[in-house]
Amino acid sequence: MSAEHSYHFDSPTAPKLDVVGTVPGAPPMPEGAEAMTILVTLPPGSEGAPPHRHSGPAFGYVLKGEIIFELEGEPERVVKAGETFWEPGGDVIHYQDGNNLPDAESAFVVTMFCAPGQPMLVPVSAEELEQRRDRRAPRP
């Protein structure tokens, strides 16, 4: 956390403010974007949503458990409770957001900035996944 984002209240009962994630530079926003915050709860072992994309950027925070997170061009990674993730939206495919735990629920909250009149999540066809397979990072 950089100094320009920190703030300290001079009161013993004041709230504590912690910046848990930032994204350098302003990600592009769709004109007239609609902001929405969504709570996603994944049952044990859930694969999450199928490969998809969003019309604008999305910023997330894992509340409990662990999720497997993978964007086009990046290796998959595990994001644990208390950690953040973001994706730029637009043409980038979001491959995975599944539960990494086979025996416990995981949950995350995500705020998306979507283009007006467009769905918040658009599944990617099997044909397009095949056409773009060279853009996917090697998998473990």
Protein backbone atom coordinates (compact mmCIF):
# COMPACT_ATOMS: atom_id res chain seq x y z
CA MET A 1 0.00 0.00 0.00
CA SER A 2 1.46 3.35 -0.97
CA ALA A 3 1.32 6.43 1.24
CA GLU A 4 -1.13 8.24 -1.05
CA HIS A 5 -3.72 5.54 -0.37
CA SER A 6 -3.31 5.39 3.39
CA TYR A 7 -5.25 7.36 5.97
CA HIS A 8 -5.21 7.34 9.75
CA PHE A 9 -8.04 8.60 11.95
CA ASP A 10 -7.09 10.13 15.31
CA SER A 11 -9.66 8.28 17.38
CA PRO A 12 -9.46 4.96 19.25
CA THR A 13 -12.94 4.00 17.95
CA ALA A 14 -12.34 5.03 14.34
CA PRO A 15 -12.53 2.47 11.55
CA LYS A 16 -9.36 0.83 10.32
CA LEU A 17 -8.78 1.28 6.59
CA ASP A 18 -6.63 -1.23 4.72
CA VAL A 19 -6.09 -1.15 0.97
CA VAL A 20 -6.12 -4.83 -0.03
CA GLY A 21 -5.54 -4.39 -3.76
CA THR A 22 -4.81 -1.78 -6.40
CA VAL A 23 -4.46 -1.80 -10.16
CA PRO A 24 -1.83 0.55 -11.60
CA GLY A 25 -3.10 2.78 -14.37
CA ALA A 26 -6.77 3.16 -15.11
CA PRO A 27 -8.24 0.13 -16.86
CA PRO A 28 -10.46 1.08 -19.80
CA MET A 29 -14.12 1.48 -18.87
CA PRO A 30 -16.98 1.01 -21.31
CA GLU A 31 -18.74 4.31 -22.01
CA GLY A 32 -21.68 4.71 -19.64
CA ALA A 33 -20.55 1.68 -17.64
CA GLU A 34 -22.89 0.15 -15.09
CA ALA A 35 -21.16 -0.88 -11.87
CA MET A 36 -22.43 -4.00 -10.14
CA THR A 37 -21.17 -5.97 -7.17
CA ILE A 38 -21.83 -9.70 -7.10
CA LEU A 39 -21.32 -12.33 -4.42
CA VAL A 40 -20.25 -15.69 -5.89
CA THR A 41 -20.46 -18.78 -3.67
CA LEU A 42 -18.83 -21.95 -4.98
CA PRO A 43 -19.77 -25.36 -3.54
CA PRO A 44 -16.89 -27.75 -2.74
CA GLY A 45 -15.09 -28.75 -5.94
CA SER A 46 -17.15 -26.42 -8.17
CA GLU A 47 -15.56 -25.70 -11.54
CA GLY A 48 -17.10 -22.22 -11.50
CA ALA A 49 -18.36 -20.46 -14.61
CA PRO A 50 -17.41 -21.81 -18.05
CA PRO A 51 -14.80 -19.80 -20.01
CA HIS A 52 -16.26 -16.34 -20.54
CA ARG A 53 -15.51 -12.64 -20.89
CA HIS A 54 -16.87 -9.42 -19.42
CA SER A 55 -17.55 -6.16 -21.27
CA GLY A 56 -15.48 -4.16 -18.78
CA PRO A 57 -13.02 -4.56 -15.91
CA ALA A 58 -13.77 -6.59 -12.81
CA PHE A 59 -12.20 -6.34 -9.36
CA GLY A 60 -12.59 -9.17 -6.86
CA TYR A 61 -11.85 -10.15 -3.26
CA VAL A 62 -11.92 -13.72 -1.94
CA LEU A 63 -13.96 -13.86 1.25
CA LYS A 64 -13.38 -17.50 2.18
CA GLY A 65 -11.67 -20.55 0.77
CA GLU A 66 -9.55 -20.56 -2.38
CA ILE A 67 -10.33 -20.06 -6.05
CA ILE A 68 -8.43 -21.09 -9.15
CA PHE A 69 -8.14 -17.98 -11.31
CA GLU A 70 -6.95 -17.94 -14.91
CA LEU A 71 -7.04 -15.22 -17.56
CA GLU A 72 -5.99 -15.54 -21.17
CA GLY A 73 -2.21 -15.21 -21.50
CA GLU A 74 -1.57 -15.71 -17.76
CA PRO A 75 -0.85 -18.90 -15.85
CA GLU A 76 -3.57 -20.19 -13.57
CA ARG A 77 -3.09 -19.27 -9.93
CA VAL A 78 -4.76 -19.86 -6.60
CA VAL A 79 -6.28 -16.80 -4.92
CA LYS A 80 -6.91 -17.33 -1.20
CA ALA A 81 -9.23 -15.68 1.31
CA GLY A 82 -8.09 -12.10 1.92
CA GLU A 83 -6.46 -11.77 -1.51
CA THR A 84 -7.65 -9.84 -4.55
CA PHE A 85 -7.82 -10.33 -8.31
CA TRP A 86 -8.72 -8.21 -11.29
CA GLU A 87 -9.32 -8.65 -14.97
CA PRO A 88 -9.41 -6.02 -17.71
CA GLY A 89 -12.55 -7.31 -19.42
CA GLY A 90 -13.16 -6.71 -23.11
CA ASP A 91 -11.68 -9.33 -25.41
CA VAL A 92 -9.72 -11.20 -22.70
CA ILE A 93 -11.06 -14.68 -21.91
CA HIS A 94 -11.55 -15.59 -18.25
CA TYR A 95 -10.89 -19.34 -18.27
CA GLN A 96 -11.28 -20.30 -14.62
CA ASP A 97 -12.85 -19.12 -11.39
CA GLY A 98 -13.46 -22.49 -9.73
CA ASN A 99 -13.25 -23.62 -6.14
CA ASN A 100 -9.80 -25.00 -5.35
CA LEU A 101 -11.13 -26.86 -2.30
CA PRO A 102 -12.77 -30.29 -2.73
CA ASP A 103 -14.30 -30.30 0.76
CA ALA A 104 -15.23 -26.69 1.61
CA GLU A 105 -17.17 -23.80 0.14
CA SER A 106 -15.31 -20.81 -1.32
CA ALA A 107 -16.77 -17.34 -1.91
CA PHE A 108 -15.70 -14.11 -3.53
CA VAL A 109 -17.20 -10.72 -4.15
CA VAL A 110 -16.56 -9.00 -7.47
CA THR A 111 -17.36 -5.50 -8.72
CA MET A 112 -17.76 -5.26 -12.49
CA PHE A 113 -18.06 -2.29 -14.79
CA CYS A 114 -20.25 -3.51 -17.64
CA ALA A 115 -21.26 -1.88 -20.90
CA PRO A 116 -24.91 -0.76 -20.76
CA GLY A 117 -27.36 -3.26 -22.19
CA GLN A 118 -24.83 -6.11 -22.28
CA PRO A 119 -24.85 -9.19 -20.05
CA MET A 120 -22.30 -9.22 -17.26
CA LEU A 121 -20.89 -12.55 -18.44
CA VAL A 122 -20.71 -13.89 -22.00
CA PRO A 123 -19.68 -17.56 -22.42
CA VAL A 124 -17.01 -18.30 -25.04
CA SER A 125 -17.81 -21.00 -27.60
CA ALA A 126 -15.77 -24.18 -27.94
CA GLU A 127 -14.85 -23.09 -31.49
CA GLU A 128 -13.42 -19.78 -30.28
CA LEU A 129 -11.52 -21.50 -27.48
CA GLU A 130 -9.94 -23.78 -30.08
CA GLN A 131 -9.05 -20.83 -32.35
CA ARG A 132 -7.36 -19.01 -29.46
CA ARG A 133 -5.71 -21.96 -27.72
CA ASP A 134 -2.23 -20.53 -28.49
CA ARG A 135 -3.08 -17.54 -26.24
CA ARG A 136 -3.63 -19.72 -23.19
CA ALA A 137 -0.68 -20.05 -20.84
CA PRO A 138 0.74 -23.55 -20.31
CA ARG A 139 -1.18 -25.41 -17.62
CA PRO A 140 0.36 -27.28 -14.69
